[in-house]
Amino acid sequence: MSYRILAINPGSTSTKIALYEDETKIFEKSLSHTAKELEAFDEVLDQFEFREKIILAVLKEENIDIKTLAAVVGRGGMLPNMKSGGYVVNKAMLDSFWEGLASPHASNLGALLAYEIAEPLGIPAYIYDSVTSDELEEIAKITGMPEIRRQSMCHVLNMKAVSRKVAKEYGKQYEDMNILAAHLGGGISMSVHHKGKIIDCIRDDEGPFSPERSGSLPMLYTVDLCYSGKYTKKEMIKKIRGNGGLKAYLGTQDLRDVEAMIDDGNKQAEILLEAQAYQIAKGIGQMSTVLGGKYDCIILTGGMAYSKKLTDMVSERVKFIAPVEVSPGEDEMEALVLGALRLVKGQEKAKLYVHP
């Protein structure tokens, strides 16, 4: 018996969809959303109907009979206290998203869109390896302020998928390797993989700046800015996530534009790209201490890893720690499908989300 799985991966400026029959890809599309289209929505969740209509239109164009689907899987969102692996999308999960329990992020739409398509068909909707999947050790959750505990929040889906791929290339099992992975995308996160678990991470708001994130900032100056009266809470969050990083300096979050500026002699773009590589390397150096520098490899992945200029600068600074493997792009769609496939086949049991 074969299984058709539809995967949905909402990003900040795109919606990726893919249809697989078992492990064979039937089609995959990345649907870009312009800034003008998205400006019509105040909040990310307000984009729900807009993105649903686009997905259904594409499936119709591709002559896909959705009644042949066995399951729909969406990218996991930013709900707290999740574990790695698969979850059934249930009412408790949907309510939690709509009630705002998840940090604002496009990935929150994954569960909502998957459920909306799956529910009328009487088939399961899943999420897999949520952004907030938590395998952190207790020591990694302690901060210098008792009211705040560190929570796992990183590009779990892609980093685990790429780590499994690299382990296979090394002729080893993922669970037998020590890997330090850096996802370099619109947001940058890093993770330490030990015995098949992410035991520590650097979130996209506490490490290097990225194309559109501010990264970590001097705290006292940030507090002053928050209370300056110049910005609302919403505006400050947007300065940190969405309008920070390279975009704040250069007006673009596209690394190709930045490299074009450098080729045209733009010295500010040049120093900013160097600073980007410098901060990524510092983050990797910070994480290298978690396992005492004993790593089989360092992985650079995500969309920014297509930039050889950037990865070469990072590699030069961190190669003393472990061999550097560059795996550009994302394996997220295949990872979502393979996870859902294990769930529908009963090879893995889906977790049940409980409203906090």
Protein backbone atom coordinates (compact mmCIF):
# COMPACT_ATOMS: atom_id res chain seq x y z
CA MET A 1 0.00 0.00 0.00
CA SER A 2 1.32 3.46 -0.92
CA TYR A 3 0.66 6.72 0.91
CA ARG A 4 0.30 10.19 -0.55
CA ILE A 5 1.53 12.90 1.81
CA LEU A 6 1.06 16.65 1.32
CA ALA A 7 3.62 18.84 3.12
CA ILE A 8 3.14 22.55 3.85
CA ASN A 9 5.95 24.80 5.01
CA PRO A 10 5.00 28.47 5.56
CA GLY A 11 7.94 30.87 5.67
CA SER A 12 8.09 34.60 6.29
CA THR A 13 7.85 35.45 2.56
CA SER A 14 6.92 32.13 0.97
CA THR A 15 4.77 29.03 1.26
CA LYS A 16 6.39 25.78 0.16
CA ILE A 17 4.23 22.79 -0.69
CA ALA A 18 5.24 19.31 -1.77
CA LEU A 19 3.40 16.10 -2.64
CA TYR A 20 5.06 12.73 -2.19
CA GLU A 21 3.92 9.19 -2.83
CA ASP A 22 5.78 7.28 -0.15
CA GLU A 23 9.39 8.53 -0.58
CA THR A 24 8.94 9.63 -4.21
CA LYS A 25 8.41 13.32 -4.88
CA ILE A 26 5.50 14.05 -7.24
CA PHE A 27 5.94 17.81 -7.23
CA GLU A 28 7.26 20.66 -5.09
CA LYS A 29 6.64 24.39 -5.37
CA SER A 30 7.77 27.47 -3.50
CA LEU A 31 5.16 30.22 -3.69
CA SER A 32 6.63 33.66 -3.07
CA HIS A 33 4.61 36.40 -1.36
CA THR A 34 5.50 40.01 -2.06
CA ALA A 35 5.94 42.60 0.68
CA LYS A 36 2.90 44.43 -0.70
CA GLU A 37 0.73 41.29 -0.39
CA LEU A 38 1.82 40.67 3.20
CA GLU A 39 1.49 44.30 4.28
CA ALA A 40 -2.29 43.83 4.08
CA PHE A 41 -2.15 41.65 7.23
CA ASP A 42 -1.47 43.01 10.71
CA GLU A 43 -0.58 39.65 12.23
CA VAL A 44 0.93 36.46 10.82
CA LEU A 45 -2.17 34.39 11.59
CA ASP A 46 -4.26 36.87 9.59
CA GLN A 47 -2.56 35.38 6.49
CA PHE A 48 -4.30 32.04 7.02
CA GLU A 49 -7.07 32.31 4.39
CA PHE A 50 -4.75 34.05 1.92
CA ARG A 51 -2.25 31.19 2.04
CA GLU A 52 -4.93 28.48 2.06
CA LYS A 53 -6.45 29.80 -1.17
CA ILE A 54 -3.05 29.85 -2.86
CA ILE A 55 -2.29 26.25 -1.81
CA LEU A 56 -5.65 24.94 -3.04
CA ALA A 57 -5.24 26.83 -6.32
CA VAL A 58 -1.86 25.21 -6.95
CA LEU A 59 -3.19 21.73 -6.17
CA LYS A 60 -5.99 22.35 -8.67
CA GLU A 61 -3.50 23.55 -11.31
CA GLU A 62 -1.45 20.39 -10.76
CA ASN A 63 -4.60 18.24 -11.13
CA ILE A 64 -4.11 16.75 -7.67
CA ASP A 65 -7.17 14.98 -6.28
CA ILE A 66 -6.88 15.75 -2.57
CA LYS A 67 -9.16 12.79 -1.82
CA THR A 68 -6.16 10.55 -2.60
CA LEU A 69 -4.17 11.99 0.31
CA ALA A 70 -3.33 9.81 3.30
CA ALA A 71 -2.20 12.70 5.51
CA VAL A 72 -1.19 16.37 5.52
CA VAL A 73 1.86 17.53 7.46
CA GLY A 74 2.73 21.13 8.31
CA ARG A 75 5.86 22.72 9.65
CA GLY A 76 5.71 22.85 13.43
CA GLY A 77 5.28 26.28 14.98
CA MET A 78 6.47 28.14 18.06
CA LEU A 79 4.33 26.62 20.83
CA PRO A 80 6.33 26.18 24.04
CA ASN A 81 7.22 22.86 25.70
CA MET A 82 7.10 20.70 22.57
CA LYS A 83 9.17 17.54 22.08
CA SER A 84 10.89 16.39 18.89
CA GLY A 85 9.04 14.07 16.53
CA GLY A 86 5.44 14.12 15.32
CA TYR A 87 2.23 15.50 16.79
CA VAL A 88 -1.38 15.09 15.71
CA VAL A 89 -2.92 18.51 15.08
CA ASN A 90 -5.88 18.58 17.48
CA LYS A 91 -8.29 21.20 18.81
CA ALA A 92 -6.07 21.93 21.80
CA MET A 93 -3.19 22.79 19.49
CA LEU A 94 -5.35 24.93 17.20
CA ASP A 95 -6.79 26.82 20.17
CA SER A 96 -3.30 27.46 21.51
CA PHE A 97 -2.20 29.05 18.24
CA TRP A 98 -5.33 31.21 17.92
CA GLU A 99 -5.03 32.28 21.57
CA GLY A 100 -1.52 33.58 20.90
CA LEU A 101 0.41 31.12 23.08
CA ALA A 102 3.01 30.74 20.32
CA SER A 103 5.59 33.42 19.55
CA PRO A 104 4.71 35.19 16.27
CA HIS A 105 6.20 33.28 13.34
CA ALA A 106 5.03 32.14 9.90
CA SER A 107 5.63 28.49 10.89
CA ASN A 108 2.60 28.74 13.21
CA LEU A 109 0.43 28.61 10.08
CA GLY A 110 1.68 25.09 9.26
CA ALA A 111 -0.60 23.27 11.70
CA LEU A 112 -3.60 25.46 10.86
CA LEU A 113 -3.28 24.95 7.10
CA ALA A 114 -2.63 21.20 7.42
CA TYR A 115 -5.71 20.74 9.59
CA GLU A 116 -7.93 22.86 7.33
CA ILE A 117 -7.16 20.61 4.36
CA ALA A 118 -7.08 17.28 6.21
CA GLU A 119 -10.12 17.57 8.49
CA PRO A 120 -12.85 17.56 5.76
CA LEU A 121 -11.13 14.53 4.19
CA GLY A 122 -11.17 12.56 7.43
CA ILE A 123 -7.38 12.09 7.35
CA PRO A 124 -4.79 13.05 9.98
CA ALA A 125 -2.98 16.36 10.07
CA TYR A 126 0.47 16.35 11.65
CA ILE A 127 3.34 18.64 12.51
CA TYR A 128 6.87 17.28 12.81
CA ASP A 129 10.05 18.43 14.59
CA SER A 130 8.59 21.74 15.70
CA VAL A 131 10.80 24.82 15.97
CA THR A 132 10.41 24.64 19.75
CA SER A 133 11.11 20.91 20.13
CA ASP A 134 12.85 20.70 23.49
CA GLU A 135 15.62 18.19 24.23
CA LEU A 136 17.81 20.64 26.13
CA GLU A 137 19.61 19.49 29.23
CA GLU A 138 18.64 21.22 32.47
CA ILE A 139 21.95 23.06 32.75
CA ALA A 140 21.31 24.69 29.37
CA LYS A 141 17.99 26.17 30.53
CA ILE A 142 19.36 28.23 33.41
CA THR A 143 19.75 31.99 32.94
CA GLY A 144 20.97 34.78 35.20
CA MET A 145 17.38 35.80 35.95
CA PRO A 146 15.16 33.32 37.86
CA GLU A 147 12.01 34.60 36.14
CA ILE A 148 13.36 33.55 32.74
CA ARG A 149 14.33 30.04 31.65
CA ARG A 150 15.97 29.34 28.30
CA GLN A 151 13.71 27.43 25.94
CA SER A 152 14.75 25.45 22.90
CA MET A 153 13.95 27.38 19.75
CA CYS A 154 15.91 26.61 16.60
CA HIS A 155 15.59 25.24 13.07
CA VAL A 156 15.12 21.70 14.40
CA LEU A 157 13.57 20.18 11.28
CA ASN A 158 16.29 21.18 8.84
CA MET A 159 19.24 20.74 11.20
CA LYS A 160 18.18 17.22 12.19
CA ALA A 161 17.47 16.27 8.57
CA VAL A 162 20.84 17.57 7.34
CA SER A 163 22.65 15.98 10.29
CA ARG A 164 21.15 12.59 9.38
CA LYS A 165 22.24 13.11 5.78
CA VAL A 166 25.82 14.02 6.75
CA ALA A 167 26.00 11.10 9.20
CA LYS A 168 25.06 8.77 6.35
CA GLU A 169 27.83 10.27 4.20
CA TYR A 170 30.26 9.58 7.06
CA GLY A 171 29.05 5.97 7.18
CA LYS A 172 27.70 6.46 10.69
CA GLN A 173 24.39 6.64 12.53
CA TYR A 174 23.15 10.11 13.45
CA GLU A 175 22.71 8.90 17.04
CA ASP A 176 26.43 8.00 17.22
CA MET A 177 27.79 11.40 16.17
CA ASN A 178 28.55 14.71 17.85
CA ILE A 179 27.52 17.48 15.46
CA LEU A 180 27.49 21.26 15.72
CA ALA A 181 24.98 22.61 13.20
CA ALA A 182 24.38 26.22 12.15
CA HIS A 183 21.26 27.09 10.16
CA LEU A 184 21.97 30.28 8.21
CA GLY A 185 18.71 31.71 6.90
CA GLY A 186 16.45 34.73 7.46
CA GLY A 187 17.09 33.84 11.08
CA ILE A 188 20.23 32.12 12.35
CA SER A 189 20.21 29.38 14.98
CA MET A 190 22.78 26.84 16.13
CA SER A 191 22.53 23.50 17.85
CA VAL A 192 24.62 20.79 19.48
CA HIS A 193 23.57 17.24 18.52
CA HIS A 194 24.67 14.51 20.94
CA LYS A 195 23.41 10.93 20.73
CA GLY A 196 20.56 11.97 18.43
CA LYS A 197 19.34 14.83 20.61
CA ILE A 198 19.73 18.61 20.48
CA ILE A 199 21.09 19.21 23.97
CA ASP A 200 21.77 22.94 23.59
CA CYS A 201 21.10 25.69 21.06
CA ILE A 202 21.48 29.35 20.27
CA ARG A 203 18.15 30.87 19.26
CA ASP A 204 17.74 33.41 16.50
CA ASP A 205 17.34 36.18 19.09
CA GLU A 206 20.40 35.42 21.22
CA GLY A 207 23.26 34.87 18.77
CA PRO A 208 24.54 36.33 15.48
CA PHE A 209 22.54 38.96 13.64
CA SER A 210 21.07 37.65 10.40
CA PRO A 211 19.60 39.06 7.18
CA GLU A 212 16.49 40.23 9.06
CA ARG A 213 17.12 39.58 12.79
CA SER A 214 19.06 41.79 15.19
CA GLY A 215 20.51 38.83 17.07
CA SER A 216 21.84 39.42 20.59
CA LEU A 217 22.12 43.04 21.71
CA PRO A 218 23.66 44.89 24.68
CA MET A 219 20.85 44.50 27.21
CA LEU A 220 21.03 47.86 29.01
CA TYR A 221 20.92 49.83 25.76
CA THR A 222 18.04 47.67 24.56
CA VAL A 223 16.08 48.35 27.76
CA ASP A 224 16.70 52.08 27.27
CA LEU A 225 15.35 51.83 23.71
CA CYS A 226 12.24 49.95 24.90
CA TYR A 227 11.43 52.72 27.39
CA SER A 228 12.47 55.64 25.18
CA GLY A 229 8.87 56.28 24.12
CA LYS A 230 9.87 56.10 20.47
CA TYR A 231 8.59 52.57 19.86
CA THR A 232 5.66 50.40 20.86
CA LYS A 233 6.24 46.82 21.99
CA LYS A 234 5.11 45.61 18.56
CA GLU A 235 7.55 47.94 16.83
CA MET A 236 10.43 46.82 19.03
CA ILE A 237 9.70 43.16 18.30
CA LYS A 238 9.71 44.00 14.59
CA LYS A 239 13.10 45.74 14.97
CA ILE A 240 14.43 42.54 16.55
CA ARG A 241 12.74 40.04 14.24
CA GLY A 242 11.89 41.16 10.71
CA ASN A 243 13.53 44.56 10.30
CA GLY A 244 16.88 43.94 11.99
CA GLY A 245 20.26 42.70 10.78
CA LEU A 246 21.40 43.31 7.23
CA LYS A 247 17.96 44.68 6.31
CA ALA A 248 18.28 47.44 8.92
CA TYR A 249 21.64 48.52 7.54
CA LEU A 250 21.28 47.93 3.81
CA GLY A 251 17.55 47.80 3.13
CA THR A 252 17.66 44.20 1.88
CA GLN A 253 17.67 40.76 3.48
CA ASP A 254 18.80 39.05 0.27
CA LEU A 255 22.45 38.02 0.48
CA ARG A 256 22.67 38.08 -3.32
CA ASP A 257 21.88 41.79 -3.22
CA VAL A 258 24.53 42.31 -0.56
CA GLU A 259 27.18 40.53 -2.65
CA ALA A 260 26.16 42.60 -5.69
CA MET A 261 26.67 45.75 -3.59
CA ILE A 262 30.14 44.52 -2.62
CA ASP A 263 31.00 43.86 -6.27
CA ASP A 264 29.94 47.45 -7.00
CA GLY A 265 32.40 48.72 -4.41
CA ASN A 266 30.03 49.26 -1.46
CA LYS A 267 32.40 49.22 1.56
CA GLN A 268 29.58 49.19 4.13
CA ALA A 269 28.13 46.02 2.57
CA GLU A 270 31.59 44.46 2.61
CA ILE A 271 32.23 45.08 6.31
CA LEU A 272 28.70 43.96 7.20
CA LEU A 273 29.16 40.63 5.41
CA GLU A 274 32.46 40.18 7.20
CA ALA A 275 30.74 41.02 10.50
CA GLN A 276 28.03 38.48 9.65
CA ALA A 277 30.63 35.75 9.15
CA TYR A 278 32.53 36.89 12.25
CA GLN A 279 29.46 36.63 14.47
CA ILE A 280 28.47 33.22 13.04
CA ALA A 281 31.97 31.95 13.80
CA LYS A 282 31.78 33.38 17.34
CA GLY A 283 28.48 31.55 17.86
CA ILE A 284 30.00 28.28 16.69
CA GLY A 285 32.97 28.87 18.99
CA GLN A 286 30.60 29.44 21.90
CA MET A 287 28.70 26.22 21.22
CA SER A 288 31.92 24.22 20.74
CA THR A 289 32.48 24.24 24.51
CA VAL A 290 29.29 22.26 25.22
CA LEU A 291 31.01 18.96 24.37
CA GLY A 292 34.52 20.15 25.11
CA GLY A 293 35.35 20.61 21.43
CA LYS A 294 34.79 16.91 20.69
CA TYR A 295 32.81 17.12 17.43
CA ASP A 296 32.78 14.89 14.37
CA CYS A 297 31.88 17.86 12.18
CA ILE A 298 30.40 21.34 11.91
CA ILE A 299 27.51 21.78 9.47
CA LEU A 300 26.65 25.06 7.73
CA THR A 301 23.19 24.84 6.20
CA GLY A 302 20.24 27.06 5.21
CA GLY A 303 19.81 29.50 2.34
CA MET A 304 22.82 31.67 3.23
CA ALA A 305 25.09 28.64 2.90
CA TYR A 306 24.80 29.05 -0.89
CA SER A 307 27.17 32.01 -0.47
CA LYS A 308 30.68 30.63 -0.84
CA LYS A 309 32.06 34.01 0.17
CA LEU A 310 30.26 33.75 3.52
CA THR A 311 30.90 30.05 4.22
CA ASP A 312 34.59 30.40 3.34
CA MET A 313 34.98 33.23 5.87
CA VAL A 314 33.17 31.23 8.56
CA SER A 315 35.05 28.00 7.80
CA GLU A 316 38.42 29.74 8.02
CA ARG A 317 37.67 30.77 11.60
CA VAL A 318 36.17 27.51 12.91
CA LYS A 319 37.89 24.68 11.02
CA PHE A 320 40.31 24.19 13.94
CA ILE A 321 37.38 22.79 15.94
CA ALA A 322 36.22 20.11 13.48
CA PRO A 323 35.79 19.50 9.73
CA VAL A 324 33.26 21.88 8.18
CA GLU A 325 30.51 20.45 5.97
CA VAL A 326 28.54 22.92 3.83
CA SER A 327 25.04 21.72 2.96
CA PRO A 328 23.18 24.68 1.37
CA GLY A 329 19.43 25.06 1.35
CA GLU A 330 16.94 23.08 3.36
CA ASP A 331 15.78 19.46 3.42
CA GLU A 332 12.64 20.45 5.29
CA MET A 333 10.01 19.26 2.81
CA GLU A 334 11.44 15.76 2.53
CA ALA A 335 11.97 15.66 6.30
CA LEU A 336 8.32 16.59 6.92
CA VAL A 337 7.09 13.91 4.52
CA LEU A 338 9.36 11.16 5.84
CA GLY A 339 8.29 11.99 9.39
CA ALA A 340 4.59 11.85 8.46
CA LEU A 341 5.18 8.62 6.55
CA ARG A 342 6.60 6.98 9.66
CA LEU A 343 3.51 8.13 11.57
CA VAL A 344 0.90 6.84 9.11
CA LYS A 345 2.74 3.52 8.80
CA GLY A 346 2.80 3.12 12.57
CA GLN A 347 6.60 3.06 12.69
CA GLU A 348 6.47 6.00 15.07
CA LYS A 349 3.70 7.05 17.43
CA ALA A 350 2.33 10.58 17.11
CA LYS A 351 2.28 12.64 20.31
CA LEU A 352 -0.90 14.30 21.54
CA TYR A 353 -0.73 17.99 22.33
CA VAL A 354 -2.32 19.12 25.60
CA HIS A 355 -3.41 22.74 26.12
CA PRO A 356 -1.26 24.25 28.91
